[in-house]
Amino acid sequence: MGMKVAVVGATGAVGREILKTMAERSFPVDAAVALSAGRGGGQEVSFGEDEVLKVRSLESYDFSDTDIAFFAAGAAVSQVHAPRAAGQGCVVIDCSSAFRMEADVPLVIPEVNANAITRFSKRRIIGNPTGATIQMLVALKPLHDIGKARRVVVSTYQSVSDGGQSASNGGREGMDELWTQTRGVYVNETPPGEQFPKQIAFNCIPHIGDFMDDGATREEWALAAEARKILDPDIAVMATCVRVPVFIGHAEAVHVAFERPVSEAQARAALRDAPGVIILDRREDGGYATAAEIAGEDTVYVSRLRRDLTVPHGLAFWCVTDNLRKGSALNAVQIAEELVARKLLDD
């Protein structure tokens, strides 16, 4: 029997992608509800090929007859309304940073730590990790299983579709700003930036999230903290997160030091067998994946796999994924699928 599912932030890029992904994967929905905080009420969004949903107000919505609510409207909205939804008996899958590091909220990547989902019952909230964490750990998990990763140095190259000051709207304002600035450069009328700390068109910005006292940004801290919570509490992660002028798709250059030797052949075999991973790695011009060709894909692509000779038992690789799909919406829907498969929604 199908369920009643609500999507909070349905007018944003991630919310729309959640609706699209549920329809594509035939998630068992009897009734879908599109919700928006603030100005989104009254708009319409598509659900599947034939259904159009009228967006309703989040503030007045009663979650008591809703089975699952996806929250994709930013931390401020989640902090207020996710506990309310959970308190009314709904299971919340939250795509924001609001609850990710709270001890009694599981943070789940189904390919990496699916069993953690069983710990949701106290709060009835499940965290969806940040997109940069998801793609790194989906690629790293099969290698960690054979060699035990001890230290990771990662540089991320993150698109604008999950960024900007209005990330609560799924990065749509960030994409609009990149488009407007790019067009403006050609007519020598680049408009001032509002979503990013510096011009994003034709530029790279080494600043995602607020700066912390130690000089790291919040996004860099989150990558390390989430990796410890999801994969291994003893793993050390050093991240530099960079915003790049790309609309959709995150890329990462990852260097890993393992506790045990891992040969390149072993690594390739493990990655070939790993769920959610495709190796695209030919040592020739164009024999690697980039953000331009993976938009709309559900997979983490791994390329440029090679030895890192600067550390004992080191490997390096490049990985890319669609940050709106596996980096957010798909992972959230996979969490919901896991709840259904394990019958965890049954009273």
Protein backbone atom coordinates (compact mmCIF):
# COMPACT_ATOMS: atom_id res chain seq x y z
CA MET A 1 0.00 0.00 0.00
CA GLY A 2 1.27 3.45 -0.84
CA MET A 3 2.07 6.24 1.54
CA LYS A 4 1.48 9.92 1.97
CA VAL A 5 4.71 11.81 1.42
CA ALA A 6 5.41 15.53 1.84
CA VAL A 7 8.28 17.47 0.27
CA VAL A 8 9.21 20.68 2.09
CA GLY A 9 11.01 23.12 -0.20
CA ALA A 10 9.26 21.66 -3.24
CA THR A 11 9.91 24.75 -5.38
CA GLY A 12 13.70 24.58 -4.91
CA ALA A 13 16.13 22.61 -7.05
CA VAL A 14 16.55 19.78 -4.52
CA GLY A 15 12.85 19.59 -3.69
CA ARG A 16 11.93 19.32 -7.37
CA GLU A 17 14.59 16.67 -7.82
CA ILE A 18 13.17 14.64 -4.91
CA LEU A 19 9.74 14.64 -6.55
CA LYS A 20 11.29 13.67 -9.88
CA THR A 21 13.38 10.90 -8.32
CA MET A 22 10.45 9.39 -6.43
CA ALA A 23 8.45 9.22 -9.65
CA GLU A 24 11.32 7.75 -11.66
CA ARG A 25 11.98 5.05 -9.06
CA SER A 26 8.28 4.25 -8.55
CA PHE A 27 8.45 4.98 -4.84
CA PRO A 28 5.13 3.75 -3.33
CA VAL A 29 3.27 7.04 -2.98
CA ASP A 30 -0.50 7.26 -2.78
CA ALA A 31 -0.49 11.00 -2.14
CA ALA A 32 2.31 13.54 -2.58
CA VAL A 33 2.17 16.96 -0.95
CA ALA A 34 4.33 19.89 -2.04
CA LEU A 35 5.09 22.38 0.73
CA SER A 36 6.93 25.67 0.83
CA ALA A 37 7.89 28.09 3.57
CA GLY A 38 7.24 31.72 2.78
CA ARG A 39 6.56 32.82 -0.79
CA GLY A 40 6.24 29.46 -2.55
CA GLY A 41 2.60 28.82 -1.69
CA GLY A 42 0.26 28.73 -4.68
CA GLN A 43 2.92 27.71 -7.22
CA GLU A 44 2.70 24.41 -9.07
CA VAL A 45 5.32 21.66 -9.38
CA SER A 46 5.37 18.45 -11.40
CA PHE A 47 5.25 14.98 -9.90
CA GLY A 48 5.89 12.33 -12.52
CA GLU A 49 4.65 12.70 -16.07
CA ASP A 50 1.00 13.40 -15.39
CA GLU A 51 0.53 14.92 -11.94
CA VAL A 52 0.85 18.58 -11.01
CA LEU A 53 0.93 19.52 -7.34
CA LYS A 54 -0.28 22.82 -5.97
CA VAL A 55 2.25 24.07 -3.44
CA ARG A 56 0.80 24.49 0.02
CA SER A 57 1.95 26.49 3.03
CA LEU A 58 4.28 24.66 5.39
CA GLU A 59 3.30 26.77 8.37
CA SER A 60 -0.31 25.56 8.41
CA TYR A 61 0.29 21.95 7.33
CA ASP A 62 -0.63 19.12 9.72
CA PHE A 63 1.80 16.19 9.41
CA SER A 64 -0.24 13.78 11.52
CA ASP A 65 -1.46 11.73 8.53
CA THR A 66 1.85 11.95 6.60
CA ASP A 67 4.23 8.98 6.61
CA ILE A 68 7.45 10.61 5.38
CA ALA A 69 8.48 14.24 5.00
CA PHE A 70 11.53 15.25 3.00
CA PHE A 71 12.90 18.59 4.20
CA ALA A 72 14.87 20.47 1.51
CA ALA A 73 14.37 24.07 2.57
CA GLY A 74 17.50 24.84 4.59
CA ALA A 75 18.51 24.56 8.23
CA ALA A 76 16.43 27.45 9.56
CA VAL A 77 13.20 25.90 8.28
CA SER A 78 14.19 22.41 9.43
CA GLN A 79 15.03 23.56 12.94
CA VAL A 80 11.51 24.91 13.39
CA HIS A 81 9.34 22.49 11.44
CA ALA A 82 11.16 19.13 11.36
CA PRO A 83 10.65 18.49 15.11
CA ARG A 84 7.02 19.51 14.70
CA ALA A 85 6.56 17.02 11.88
CA ALA A 86 8.32 14.27 13.82
CA GLY A 87 6.25 15.06 16.89
CA GLN A 88 3.10 14.53 14.84
CA GLY A 89 4.25 11.00 13.95
CA CYS A 90 5.92 11.63 10.60
CA VAL A 91 9.42 10.34 9.75
CA VAL A 92 11.60 13.24 8.63
CA ILE A 93 14.45 12.89 6.12
CA ASP A 94 16.29 16.18 6.45
CA CYS A 95 18.60 17.45 3.70
CA SER A 96 19.88 20.42 5.72
CA SER A 97 22.71 20.74 8.23
CA ALA A 98 20.32 21.28 11.14
CA PHE A 99 20.60 17.87 12.84
CA ARG A 100 23.45 16.06 11.08
CA MET A 101 25.86 15.99 13.99
CA GLU A 102 23.35 15.30 16.76
CA ALA A 103 24.11 11.96 18.39
CA ASP A 104 20.56 10.61 18.27
CA VAL A 105 19.99 11.50 14.60
CA PRO A 106 21.44 8.90 12.20
CA LEU A 107 23.35 10.29 9.22
CA VAL A 108 22.89 7.82 6.39
CA ILE A 109 24.38 6.95 3.02
CA PRO A 110 22.70 3.65 2.07
CA GLU A 111 25.77 2.32 0.19
CA VAL A 112 27.97 3.06 3.21
CA ASN A 113 26.10 2.69 6.53
CA ALA A 114 22.57 1.52 5.81
CA ASN A 115 22.23 -0.17 9.21
CA ALA A 116 22.46 3.20 10.96
CA ILE A 117 18.93 3.91 9.76
CA THR A 118 17.52 1.68 12.51
CA ARG A 119 18.49 4.29 15.12
CA PHE A 120 15.96 6.87 13.94
CA SER A 121 13.10 6.00 16.28
CA LYS A 122 13.95 8.31 19.21
CA ARG A 123 13.80 11.56 17.23
CA ARG A 124 12.10 10.27 14.05
CA ILE A 125 14.59 12.39 12.08
CA ILE A 126 17.23 11.02 9.68
CA GLY A 127 20.00 13.23 8.35
CA ASN A 128 21.00 13.39 4.69
CA PRO A 129 24.74 14.24 4.57
CA THR A 130 26.22 17.11 2.62
CA GLY A 131 26.74 16.26 -1.04
CA ALA A 132 30.53 16.47 -0.86
CA THR A 133 30.54 13.88 1.93
CA ILE A 134 28.18 11.55 0.09
CA GLN A 135 30.25 11.29 -3.08
CA MET A 136 33.57 10.98 -1.24
CA LEU A 137 32.36 8.20 1.05
CA VAL A 138 30.54 6.23 -1.65
CA ALA A 139 33.87 6.05 -3.49
CA LEU A 140 35.99 5.57 -0.37
CA LYS A 141 33.93 2.88 1.41
CA PRO A 142 35.01 -0.10 -0.76
CA LEU A 143 38.65 0.96 -0.43
CA HIS A 144 38.30 1.49 3.33
CA ASP A 145 36.93 -2.04 3.65
CA ILE A 146 40.11 -3.58 2.26
CA GLY A 147 42.78 -1.16 3.52
CA LYS A 148 41.28 0.92 6.37
CA ALA A 149 41.70 4.57 5.43
CA ARG A 150 43.58 6.52 8.10
CA ARG A 151 43.98 9.96 6.51
CA VAL A 152 42.23 11.73 3.65
CA VAL A 153 43.24 15.00 1.98
CA VAL A 154 40.48 16.21 -0.32
CA SER A 155 39.97 19.26 -2.51
CA THR A 156 36.40 19.77 -3.67
CA TYR A 157 35.20 21.68 -6.71
CA GLN A 158 31.54 22.35 -5.99
CA SER A 159 28.91 23.69 -8.37
CA VAL A 160 26.61 26.59 -7.60
CA SER A 161 23.41 24.54 -7.52
CA ASP A 162 23.68 23.82 -3.82
CA GLY A 163 25.27 27.09 -2.83
CA GLY A 164 24.85 30.78 -2.29
CA GLN A 165 23.29 32.77 0.50
CA SER A 166 19.88 31.35 -0.44
CA ALA A 167 20.83 27.70 -0.26
CA SER A 168 17.50 27.21 1.48
CA ASN A 169 16.01 27.51 -1.99
CA GLY A 170 18.10 24.67 -3.31
CA GLY A 171 20.72 26.87 -4.95
CA ARG A 172 18.42 28.32 -7.62
CA GLU A 173 19.61 31.83 -6.78
CA GLY A 174 23.20 30.63 -7.07
CA MET A 175 22.56 29.28 -10.55
CA ASP A 176 20.78 32.47 -11.54
CA GLU A 177 23.72 34.55 -10.35
CA LEU A 178 26.24 32.49 -12.32
CA TRP A 179 24.12 32.86 -15.47
CA THR A 180 23.61 36.60 -15.00
CA GLN A 181 27.28 37.30 -14.26
CA THR A 182 28.50 35.15 -17.16
CA ARG A 183 26.24 36.98 -19.59
CA GLY A 184 27.23 40.33 -18.09
CA VAL A 185 30.96 39.73 -18.53
CA TYR A 186 30.52 39.57 -22.30
CA VAL A 187 28.89 43.00 -22.41
CA ASN A 188 31.20 44.49 -19.77
CA GLU A 189 28.34 44.92 -17.32
CA THR A 190 28.96 42.28 -14.67
CA PRO A 191 26.31 42.78 -11.96
CA PRO A 192 27.35 42.81 -8.30
CA GLY A 193 27.25 39.47 -6.52
CA GLU A 194 24.65 38.67 -3.88
CA GLN A 195 24.90 34.90 -3.40
CA PHE A 196 28.68 34.45 -3.20
CA PRO A 197 31.45 36.41 -1.45
CA LYS A 198 33.19 37.17 -4.77
CA GLN A 199 32.32 37.06 -8.46
CA ILE A 200 31.52 33.45 -9.38
CA ALA A 201 31.57 33.79 -13.18
CA PHE A 202 34.99 32.81 -14.59
CA ASN A 203 36.31 32.43 -11.06
CA CYS A 204 36.98 29.92 -8.28
CA ILE A 205 36.14 30.81 -4.68
CA PRO A 206 37.92 28.90 -1.85
CA HIS A 207 35.12 29.64 0.58
CA ILE A 208 32.01 27.51 1.22
CA GLY A 209 30.27 28.08 4.52
CA ASP A 210 31.18 30.42 7.34
CA PHE A 211 34.77 30.68 8.54
CA MET A 212 35.59 29.04 11.87
CA ASP A 213 38.18 30.05 14.45
CA ASP A 214 40.82 27.62 13.14
CA GLY A 215 40.58 28.98 9.59
CA ALA A 216 38.53 26.12 8.18
CA THR A 217 35.12 26.81 6.71
CA ARG A 218 31.94 25.16 7.95
CA GLU A 219 31.78 22.98 4.81
CA GLU A 220 35.35 21.76 5.35
CA TRP A 221 34.60 20.99 8.98
CA ALA A 222 31.43 19.15 7.98
CA LEU A 223 33.27 16.91 5.52
CA ALA A 224 35.61 15.75 8.28
CA ALA A 225 32.99 15.45 11.00
CA GLU A 226 30.49 13.61 8.81
CA ALA A 227 33.15 11.16 7.60
CA ARG A 228 33.94 10.29 11.22
CA LYS A 229 30.27 9.83 12.08
CA ILE A 230 29.42 7.76 9.00
CA LEU A 231 32.56 5.79 8.11
CA ASP A 232 35.08 5.61 10.96
CA PRO A 233 35.43 7.70 14.14
CA ASP A 234 39.23 7.58 13.84
CA ILE A 235 39.63 8.76 10.25
CA ALA A 236 41.43 12.10 9.75
CA VAL A 237 40.16 14.35 6.96
CA MET A 238 41.72 17.58 5.70
CA ALA A 239 39.45 19.35 3.22
CA THR A 240 39.66 22.46 1.06
CA CYS A 241 36.28 23.30 -0.47
CA VAL A 242 36.11 25.47 -3.57
CA ARG A 243 33.06 26.93 -5.33
CA VAL A 244 33.47 26.77 -9.11
CA PRO A 245 31.45 28.27 -12.01
CA VAL A 246 29.61 25.06 -12.86
CA PHE A 247 25.82 24.77 -12.72
CA ILE A 248 25.47 21.12 -11.70
CA GLY A 249 28.03 18.55 -10.56
CA HIS A 250 30.64 18.33 -7.83
CA ALA A 251 34.19 17.05 -8.37
CA GLU A 252 36.78 15.99 -5.81
CA ALA A 253 40.48 15.20 -5.86
CA VAL A 254 41.01 12.68 -3.06
CA HIS A 255 44.31 11.46 -1.57
CA VAL A 256 44.09 8.57 0.91
CA ALA A 257 46.65 7.00 3.25
CA PHE A 258 45.66 3.46 4.29
CA GLU A 259 46.65 1.41 7.31
CA ARG A 260 47.28 -1.65 5.14
CA PRO A 261 48.72 -1.88 1.63
CA VAL A 262 46.13 -1.54 -1.15
CA SER A 263 47.34 -2.20 -4.66
CA GLU A 264 45.91 -0.35 -7.61
CA ALA A 265 44.53 -3.65 -8.93
CA GLN A 266 42.80 -4.36 -5.60
CA ALA A 267 41.34 -0.87 -5.57
CA ARG A 268 39.97 -1.20 -9.10
CA ALA A 269 38.40 -4.56 -8.30
CA ALA A 270 36.77 -3.21 -5.15
CA LEU A 271 35.40 -0.16 -6.95
CA ARG A 272 34.04 -2.26 -9.84
CA ASP A 273 32.00 -4.31 -7.35
CA ALA A 274 30.85 -1.34 -5.25
CA PRO A 275 27.22 -0.19 -5.35
CA GLY A 276 26.70 3.27 -6.80
CA VAL A 277 30.18 3.53 -8.36
CA ILE A 278 31.36 3.43 -11.97
CA ILE A 279 35.04 3.54 -12.90
CA LEU A 280 35.74 5.65 -15.97
CA ASP A 281 39.51 5.67 -16.09
CA ARG A 282 41.33 5.34 -19.40
CA ARG A 283 44.80 6.82 -19.46
CA GLU A 284 44.24 8.87 -22.59
CA ASP A 285 42.83 12.23 -23.59
CA GLY A 286 39.27 12.47 -22.30
CA GLY A 287 39.41 9.12 -20.51
CA TYR A 288 37.94 10.48 -17.27
CA ALA A 289 34.63 11.82 -15.97
CA THR A 290 33.83 15.51 -15.53
CA ALA A 291 30.82 17.41 -14.26
CA ALA A 292 29.73 18.32 -17.79
CA GLU A 293 28.74 14.78 -18.74
CA ILE A 294 27.31 13.41 -15.48
CA ALA A 295 24.38 15.79 -14.91
CA GLY A 296 21.26 13.70 -14.39
CA GLU A 297 23.24 10.56 -13.52
CA ASP A 298 22.73 8.66 -10.25
CA THR A 299 26.27 7.32 -9.97
CA VAL A 300 29.55 8.43 -8.44
CA TYR A 301 32.16 8.25 -11.20
CA VAL A 302 35.77 7.50 -10.24
CA SER A 303 38.67 8.42 -12.51
CA ARG A 304 42.43 9.07 -12.33
CA LEU A 305 43.04 6.21 -9.86
CA ARG A 306 46.76 5.93 -9.13
CA ARG A 307 49.36 5.44 -6.43
CA ASP A 308 50.15 8.35 -4.12
CA LEU A 309 53.86 7.89 -3.52
CA THR A 310 54.11 10.72 -0.97
CA VAL A 311 52.68 8.56 1.85
CA PRO A 312 52.91 4.88 2.81
CA HIS A 313 50.04 2.84 1.36
CA GLY A 314 48.68 5.84 -0.54
CA LEU A 315 46.16 6.09 -3.36
CA ALA A 316 44.72 9.09 -5.20
CA PHE A 317 41.57 9.40 -7.29
CA TRP A 318 39.16 11.89 -8.85
CA CYS A 319 35.41 11.52 -8.40
CA VAL A 320 32.40 13.39 -9.76
CA THR A 321 28.65 13.17 -9.27
CA ASP A 322 25.47 15.15 -9.83
CA ASN A 323 25.10 16.98 -6.53
CA LEU A 324 21.33 17.35 -6.96
CA ARG A 325 20.89 13.61 -7.60
CA LYS A 326 23.19 11.33 -5.58
CA GLY A 327 24.56 14.33 -3.73
CA SER A 328 21.12 15.10 -2.28
CA ALA A 329 17.75 14.01 -3.71
CA LEU A 330 18.61 10.44 -4.70
CA ASN A 331 20.32 9.73 -1.39
CA ALA A 332 17.25 11.03 0.46
CA VAL A 333 14.90 8.84 -1.59
CA GLN A 334 17.19 5.84 -1.07
CA ILE A 335 16.88 6.41 2.68
CA ALA A 336 13.10 6.32 2.30
CA GLU A 337 13.37 3.13 0.24
CA GLU A 338 15.47 1.60 3.01
CA LEU A 339 12.80 2.49 5.58
CA VAL A 340 10.19 0.73 3.45
CA ALA A 341 12.35 -2.32 2.69
CA ARG A 342 13.10 -2.83 6.39
CA LYS A 343 9.44 -2.24 7.33
CA LEU A 344 10.53 0.47 9.76
CA LEU A 345 7.45 2.57 9.04
CA ASP A 346 5.12 -0.14 10.28
CA ASP A 347 3.47 0.63 13.60
